[in-house]
Amino acid sequence: MMRTTLDIPEKLIAEAMTLSKAKTKNQLIKEVLEEHIKRVKRQRLIALKGTLDFNIDLDTLRGREDVKI
């Protein structure tokens, strides 16, 4: 854990706590940070759309070239 002092407008904290139903400021900040991290990771994955080639043959990849279905 890390202790940090932040200057956040009380009105902003109050609105965020109401919307999130967080019981404490610590819970609110933790939830907000976790959601932000998820959103950024999702955006990075979406940005990769069309840049990765998933057209792979699993049998060849696994060394099963002789397998016929």
PDB file of N, CA and C in Angstrom:
ATOM      1  N   MET A   1       0.837  -1.189   0.000  1.00  0.00           N
ATOM      2  CA  MET A   1       0.000   0.000   0.000  1.00  0.00           C
ATOM      3  C   MET A   1       0.875   1.244   0.000  1.00  0.00           C
ATOM      4  N   MET A   2       0.294   2.298  -0.528  1.00  0.00           N
ATOM      5  CA  MET A   2       1.013   3.552  -0.603  1.00  0.00           C
ATOM      6  C   MET A   2       0.088   4.673  -0.128  1.00  0.00           C
ATOM      7  N   ARG A   3       0.584   5.493   0.743  1.00  0.00           N
ATOM      8  CA  ARG A   3      -0.197   6.641   1.207  1.00  0.00           C
ATOM      9  C   ARG A   3       0.129   7.828   0.301  1.00  0.00           C
ATOM     10  N   THR A   4      -0.923   8.530  -0.112  1.00  0.00           N
ATOM     11  CA  THR A   4      -0.756   9.672  -0.994  1.00  0.00           C
ATOM     12  C   THR A   4      -1.733  10.768  -0.583  1.00  0.00           C
ATOM     13  N   THR A   5      -1.298  11.987  -0.653  1.00  0.00           N
ATOM     14  CA  THR A   5      -2.178  13.122  -0.394  1.00  0.00           C
ATOM     15  C   THR A   5      -2.571  13.716  -1.739  1.00  0.00           C
ATOM     16  N   LEU A   6      -3.872  13.862  -1.958  1.00  0.00           N
ATOM     17  CA  LEU A   6      -4.378  14.407  -3.217  1.00  0.00           C
ATOM     18  C   LEU A   6      -5.321  15.559  -2.931  1.00  0.00           C
ATOM     19  N   ASP A   7      -5.307  16.552  -3.798  1.00  0.00           N
ATOM     20  CA  ASP A   7      -6.265  17.645  -3.726  1.00  0.00           C
ATOM     21  C   ASP A   7      -7.320  17.418  -4.794  1.00  0.00           C
ATOM     22  N   ILE A   8      -8.440  16.812  -4.381  1.00  0.00           N
ATOM     23  CA  ILE A   8      -9.532  16.509  -5.299  1.00  0.00           C
ATOM     24  C   ILE A   8     -10.751  17.293  -4.822  1.00  0.00           C
ATOM     25  N   PRO A   9     -11.415  17.994  -5.723  1.00  0.00           N
ATOM     26  CA  PRO A   9     -12.596  18.756  -5.314  1.00  0.00           C
ATOM     27  C   PRO A   9     -13.630  17.857  -4.612  1.00  0.00           C
ATOM     28  N   GLU A  10     -14.099  18.310  -3.466  1.00  0.00           N
ATOM     29  CA  GLU A  10     -15.048  17.521  -2.670  1.00  0.00           C
ATOM     30  C   GLU A  10     -16.315  17.213  -3.451  1.00  0.00           C
ATOM     31  N   LYS A  11     -16.771  18.161  -4.258  1.00  0.00           N
ATOM     32  CA  LYS A  11     -17.975  17.945  -5.067  1.00  0.00           C
ATOM     33  C   LYS A  11     -17.780  16.772  -6.033  1.00  0.00           C
ATOM     34  N   LEU A  12     -16.593  16.685  -6.610  1.00  0.00           N
ATOM     35  CA  LEU A  12     -16.279  15.596  -7.535  1.00  0.00           C
ATOM     36  C   LEU A  12     -16.266  14.255  -6.807  1.00  0.00           C
ATOM     37  N   ILE A  13     -15.662  14.221  -5.636  1.00  0.00           N
ATOM     38  CA  ILE A  13     -15.629  12.995  -4.824  1.00  0.00           C
ATOM     39  C   ILE A  13     -17.051  12.587  -4.440  1.00  0.00           C
ATOM     40  N   ALA A  14     -17.846  13.555  -3.988  1.00  0.00           N
ATOM     41  CA  ALA A  14     -19.214  13.258  -3.555  1.00  0.00           C
ATOM     42  C   ALA A  14     -20.040  12.690  -4.703  1.00  0.00           C
ATOM     43  N   GLU A  15     -19.937  13.284  -5.881  1.00  0.00           N
ATOM     44  CA  GLU A  15     -20.700  12.781  -7.029  1.00  0.00           C
ATOM     45  C   GLU A  15     -20.236  11.381  -7.429  1.00  0.00           C
ATOM     46  N   ALA A  16     -18.928  11.172  -7.448  1.00  0.00           N
ATOM     47  CA  ALA A  16     -18.391   9.862  -7.804  1.00  0.00           C
ATOM     48  C   ALA A  16     -18.820   8.802  -6.799  1.00  0.00           C
ATOM     49  N   MET A  17     -18.824   9.146  -5.515  1.00  0.00           N
ATOM     50  CA  MET A  17     -19.239   8.188  -4.483  1.00  0.00           C
ATOM     51  C   MET A  17     -20.721   7.851  -4.622  1.00  0.00           C
ATOM     52  N   THR A  18     -21.522   8.844  -4.962  1.00  0.00           N
ATOM     53  CA  THR A  18     -22.949   8.604  -5.158  1.00  0.00           C
ATOM     54  C   THR A  18     -23.179   7.673  -6.346  1.00  0.00           C
ATOM     55  N   LEU A  19     -22.518   7.957  -7.455  1.00  0.00           N
ATOM     56  CA  LEU A  19     -22.705   7.154  -8.659  1.00  0.00           C
ATOM     57  C   LEU A  19     -22.174   5.732  -8.501  1.00  0.00           C
ATOM     58  N   SER A  20     -21.049   5.587  -7.826  1.00  0.00           N
ATOM     59  CA  SER A  20     -20.420   4.269  -7.700  1.00  0.00           C
ATOM     60  C   SER A  20     -20.943   3.483  -6.501  1.00  0.00           C
ATOM     61  N   LYS A  21     -21.619   4.182  -5.601  1.00  0.00           N
ATOM     62  CA  LYS A  21     -22.091   3.572  -4.355  1.00  0.00           C
ATOM     63  C   LYS A  21     -20.939   3.089  -3.472  1.00  0.00           C
ATOM     64  N   ALA A  22     -19.782   3.705  -3.653  1.00  0.00           N
ATOM     65  CA  ALA A  22     -18.621   3.389  -2.810  1.00  0.00           C
ATOM     66  C   ALA A  22     -18.900   3.855  -1.394  1.00  0.00           C
ATOM     67  N   LYS A  23     -18.450   3.077  -0.435  1.00  0.00           N
ATOM     68  CA  LYS A  23     -18.677   3.404   0.979  1.00  0.00           C
ATOM     69  C   LYS A  23     -17.582   4.326   1.538  1.00  0.00           C
ATOM     70  N   THR A  24     -16.381   4.236   0.965  1.00  0.00           N
ATOM     71  CA  THR A  24     -15.264   5.045   1.446  1.00  0.00           C
ATOM     72  C   THR A  24     -14.542   5.683   0.263  1.00  0.00           C
ATOM     73  N   LYS A  25     -13.778   6.716   0.564  1.00  0.00           N
ATOM     74  CA  LYS A  25     -12.981   7.358  -0.479  1.00  0.00           C
ATOM     75  C   LYS A  25     -11.921   6.396  -1.009  1.00  0.00           C
ATOM     76  N   ASN A  26     -11.351   5.597  -0.115  1.00  0.00           N
ATOM     77  CA  ASN A  26     -10.354   4.608  -0.554  1.00  0.00           C
ATOM     78  C   ASN A  26     -10.961   3.624  -1.539  1.00  0.00           C
ATOM     79  N   GLN A  27     -12.145   3.126  -1.229  1.00  0.00           N
ATOM     80  CA  GLN A  27     -12.823   2.191  -2.122  1.00  0.00           C
ATOM     81  C   GLN A  27     -13.109   2.857  -3.462  1.00  0.00           C
ATOM     82  N   LEU A  28     -13.559   4.106  -3.413  1.00  0.00           N
ATOM     83  CA  LEU A  28     -13.855   4.851  -4.638  1.00  0.00           C
ATOM     84  C   LEU A  28     -12.619   4.978  -5.520  1.00  0.00           C
ATOM     85  N   ILE A  29     -11.525   5.435  -4.952  1.00  0.00           N
ATOM     86  CA  ILE A  29     -10.295   5.643  -5.726  1.00  0.00           C
ATOM     87  C   ILE A  29      -9.805   4.327  -6.317  1.00  0.00           C
ATOM     88  N   LYS A  30      -9.854   3.253  -5.521  1.00  0.00           N
ATOM     89  CA  LYS A  30      -9.417   1.947  -6.018  1.00  0.00           C
ATOM     90  C   LYS A  30     -10.277   1.502  -7.201  1.00  0.00           C
ATOM     91  N   GLU A  31     -11.601   1.630  -7.066  1.00  0.00           N
ATOM     92  CA  GLU A  31     -12.508   1.222  -8.150  1.00  0.00           C
ATOM     93  C   GLU A  31     -12.295   2.068  -9.402  1.00  0.00           C
ATOM     94  N   VAL A  32     -12.118   3.367  -9.218  1.00  0.00           N
ATOM     95  CA  VAL A  32     -11.910   4.256 -10.358  1.00  0.00           C
ATOM     96  C   VAL A  32     -10.614   3.913 -11.085  1.00  0.00           C
ATOM     97  N   LEU A  33      -9.552   3.673 -10.345  1.00  0.00           N
ATOM     98  CA  LEU A  33      -8.276   3.320 -10.969  1.00  0.00           C
ATOM     99  C   LEU A  33      -8.368   1.989 -11.709  1.00  0.00           C
ATOM    100  N   GLU A  34      -9.021   0.998 -11.086  1.00  0.00           N
ATOM    101  CA  GLU A  34      -9.174  -0.312 -11.738  1.00  0.00           C
ATOM    102  C   GLU A  34      -9.973  -0.185 -13.035  1.00  0.00           C
ATOM    103  N   GLU A  35     -11.057   0.584 -13.006  1.00  0.00           N
ATOM    104  CA  GLU A  35     -11.869   0.784 -14.210  1.00  0.00           C
ATOM    105  C   GLU A  35     -11.097   1.525 -15.289  1.00  0.00           C
ATOM    106  N   HIS A  36     -10.322   2.503 -14.887  1.00  0.00           N
ATOM    107  CA  HIS A  36      -9.521   3.253 -15.863  1.00  0.00           C
ATOM    108  C   HIS A  36      -8.491   2.336 -16.538  1.00  0.00           C
ATOM    109  N   ILE A  37      -7.837   1.511 -15.745  1.00  0.00           N
ATOM    110  CA  ILE A  37      -6.849   0.571 -16.289  1.00  0.00           C
ATOM    111  C   ILE A  37      -7.518  -0.374 -17.280  1.00  0.00           C
ATOM    112  N   LYS A  38      -8.684  -0.910 -16.924  1.00  0.00           N
ATOM    113  CA  LYS A  38      -9.417  -1.810 -17.831  1.00  0.00           C
ATOM    114  C   LYS A  38      -9.769  -1.100 -19.134  1.00  0.00           C
ATOM    115  N   ARG A  39     -10.236   0.159 -19.031  1.00  0.00           N
ATOM    116  CA  ARG A  39     -10.639   0.909 -20.210  1.00  0.00           C
ATOM    117  C   ARG A  39      -9.454   1.144 -21.138  1.00  0.00           C
ATOM    118  N   VAL A  40      -8.312   1.530 -20.573  1.00  0.00           N
ATOM    119  CA  VAL A  40      -7.124   1.791 -21.391  1.00  0.00           C
ATOM    120  C   VAL A  40      -6.661   0.503 -22.074  1.00  0.00           C
ATOM    121  N   LYS A  41      -6.664  -0.621 -21.353  1.00  0.00           N
ATOM    122  CA  LYS A  41      -6.257  -1.893 -21.944  1.00  0.00           C
ATOM    123  C   LYS A  41      -7.208  -2.294 -23.075  1.00  0.00           C
ATOM    124  N   ARG A  42      -8.513  -2.068 -22.863  1.00  0.00           N
ATOM    125  CA  ARG A  42      -9.504  -2.383 -23.891  1.00  0.00           C
ATOM    126  C   ARG A  42      -9.269  -1.526 -25.126  1.00  0.00           C
ATOM    127  N   GLN A  43      -8.999  -0.232 -24.923  1.00  0.00           N
ATOM    128  CA  GLN A  43      -8.742   0.672 -26.044  1.00  0.00           C
ATOM    129  C   GLN A  43      -7.501   0.252 -26.820  1.00  0.00           C
ATOM    130  N   ARG A  44      -6.478  -0.207 -26.113  1.00  0.00           N
ATOM    131  CA  ARG A  44      -5.251  -0.662 -26.790  1.00  0.00           C
ATOM    132  C   ARG A  44      -5.516  -1.905 -27.625  1.00  0.00           C
ATOM    133  N   LEU A  45      -6.350  -2.808 -27.103  1.00  0.00           N
ATOM    134  CA  LEU A  45      -6.698  -3.999 -27.878  1.00  0.00           C
ATOM    135  C   LEU A  45      -7.509  -3.623 -29.116  1.00  0.00           C
ATOM    136  N   ILE A  46      -8.452  -2.715 -28.948  1.00  0.00           N
ATOM    137  CA  ILE A  46      -9.268  -2.272 -30.080  1.00  0.00           C
ATOM    138  C   ILE A  46      -8.393  -1.615 -31.142  1.00  0.00           C
ATOM    139  N   ALA A  47      -7.369  -0.886 -30.714  1.00  0.00           N
ATOM    140  CA  ALA A  47      -6.465  -0.221 -31.667  1.00  0.00           C
ATOM    141  C   ALA A  47      -5.695  -1.231 -32.504  1.00  0.00           C
ATOM    142  N   LEU A  48      -5.541  -2.450 -32.007  1.00  0.00           N
ATOM    143  CA  LEU A  48      -4.827  -3.484 -32.753  1.00  0.00           C
ATOM    144  C   LEU A  48      -5.690  -4.148 -33.821  1.00  0.00           C
ATOM    145  N   LYS A  49      -6.985  -3.848 -33.826  1.00  0.00           N
ATOM    146  CA  LYS A  49      -7.907  -4.478 -34.774  1.00  0.00           C
ATOM    147  C   LYS A  49      -7.388  -4.320 -36.207  1.00  0.00           C
ATOM    148  N   GLY A  50      -7.300  -5.438 -36.874  1.00  0.00           N
ATOM    149  CA  GLY A  50      -6.848  -5.437 -38.257  1.00  0.00           C
ATOM    150  C   GLY A  50      -5.344  -5.471 -38.418  1.00  0.00           C
ATOM    151  N   THR A  51      -4.592  -5.413 -37.329  1.00  0.00           N
ATOM    152  CA  THR A  51      -3.138  -5.397 -37.452  1.00  0.00           C
ATOM    153  C   THR A  51      -2.510  -6.761 -37.155  1.00  0.00           C
ATOM    154  N   LEU A  52      -3.286  -7.672 -36.589  1.00  0.00           N
ATOM    155  CA  LEU A  52      -2.764  -8.991 -36.255  1.00  0.00           C
ATOM    156  C   LEU A  52      -3.343 -10.031 -37.194  1.00  0.00           C
ATOM    157  N   ASP A  53      -2.522 -10.987 -37.620  1.00  0.00           N
ATOM    158  CA  ASP A  53      -2.971 -12.046 -38.519  1.00  0.00           C
ATOM    159  C   ASP A  53      -3.255 -13.300 -37.704  1.00  0.00           C
ATOM    160  N   PHE A  54      -4.538 -13.613 -37.571  1.00  0.00           N
ATOM    161  CA  PHE A  54      -4.926 -14.807 -36.830  1.00  0.00           C
ATOM    162  C   PHE A  54      -5.287 -15.958 -37.766  1.00  0.00           C
ATOM    163  N   ASN A  55      -4.922 -15.851 -39.024  1.00  0.00           N
ATOM    164  CA  ASN A  55      -5.189 -16.899 -39.995  1.00  0.00           C
ATOM    165  C   ASN A  55      -4.078 -17.943 -39.889  1.00  0.00           C
ATOM    166  N   ILE A  56      -4.169 -18.777 -38.853  1.00  0.00           N
ATOM    167  CA  ILE A  56      -3.140 -19.785 -38.613  1.00  0.00           C
ATOM    168  C   ILE A  56      -3.766 -21.168 -38.661  1.00  0.00           C
ATOM    169  N   ASP A  57      -2.970 -22.132 -39.030  1.00  0.00           N
ATOM    170  CA  ASP A  57      -3.404 -23.525 -39.064  1.00  0.00           C
ATOM    171  C   ASP A  57      -2.861 -24.199 -37.805  1.00  0.00           C
ATOM    172  N   LEU A  58      -3.750 -24.506 -36.868  1.00  0.00           N
ATOM    173  CA  LEU A  58      -3.314 -25.077 -35.596  1.00  0.00           C
ATOM    174  C   LEU A  58      -2.657 -26.443 -35.762  1.00  0.00           C
ATOM    175  N   ASP A  59      -3.126 -27.235 -36.714  1.00  0.00           N
ATOM    176  CA  ASP A  59      -2.496 -28.542 -36.926  1.00  0.00           C
ATOM    177  C   ASP A  59      -1.042 -28.384 -37.360  1.00  0.00           C
ATOM    178  N   THR A  60      -0.774 -27.459 -38.269  1.00  0.00           N
ATOM    179  CA  THR A  60       0.600 -27.201 -38.697  1.00  0.00           C
ATOM    180  C   THR A  60       1.409 -26.635 -37.541  1.00  0.00           C
ATOM    181  N   LEU A  61       0.828 -25.714 -36.820  1.00  0.00           N
ATOM    182  CA  LEU A  61       1.507 -25.094 -35.695  1.00  0.00           C
ATOM    183  C   LEU A  61       1.901 -26.135 -34.643  1.00  0.00           C
ATOM    184  N   ARG A  62       1.055 -27.126 -34.447  1.00  0.00           N
ATOM    185  CA  ARG A  62       1.308 -28.153 -33.440  1.00  0.00           C
ATOM    186  C   ARG A  62       2.051 -29.362 -34.011  1.00  0.00           C
ATOM    187  N   GLY A  63       2.471 -29.257 -35.252  1.00  0.00           N
ATOM    188  CA  GLY A  63       3.255 -30.335 -35.855  1.00  0.00           C
ATOM    189  C   GLY A  63       2.413 -31.535 -36.277  1.00  0.00           C
ATOM    190  N   ARG A  64       1.154 -31.304 -36.594  1.00  0.00           N
ATOM    191  CA  ARG A  64       0.267 -32.389 -37.010  1.00  0.00           C
ATOM    192  C   ARG A  64      -0.130 -32.202 -38.475  1.00  0.00           C
ATOM    193  N   GLU A  65       0.863 -32.077 -39.341  1.00  0.00           N
ATOM    194  CA  GLU A  65       0.568 -31.838 -40.744  1.00  0.00           C
ATOM    195  C   GLU A  65      -0.141 -33.013 -41.421  1.00  0.00           C
ATOM    196  N   ASP A  66       0.044 -34.229 -40.899  1.00  0.00           N
ATOM    197  CA  ASP A  66      -0.522 -35.418 -41.541  1.00  0.00           C
ATOM    198  C   ASP A  66      -1.977 -35.680 -41.141  1.00  0.00           C
ATOM    199  N   VAL A  67      -2.510 -34.909 -40.219  1.00  0.00           N
ATOM    200  CA  VAL A  67      -3.868 -35.146 -39.732  1.00  0.00           C
ATOM    201  C   VAL A  67      -4.861 -34.678 -40.777  1.00  0.00           C
ATOM    202  N   LYS A  68      -5.818 -35.559 -41.133  1.00  0.00           N
ATOM    203  CA  LYS A  68      -6.861 -35.212 -42.085  1.00  0.00           C
ATOM    204  C   LYS A  68      -8.202 -35.352 -41.387  1.00  0.00           C
ATOM    205  N   ILE A  69      -9.038 -34.401 -41.608  1.00  0.00           N
ATOM    206  CA  ILE A  69     -10.368 -34.443 -40.992  1.00  0.00           C
ATOM    207  C   ILE A  69     -11.415 -34.615 -42.049  1.00  0.00           C
TER     208      ILE A  69
END
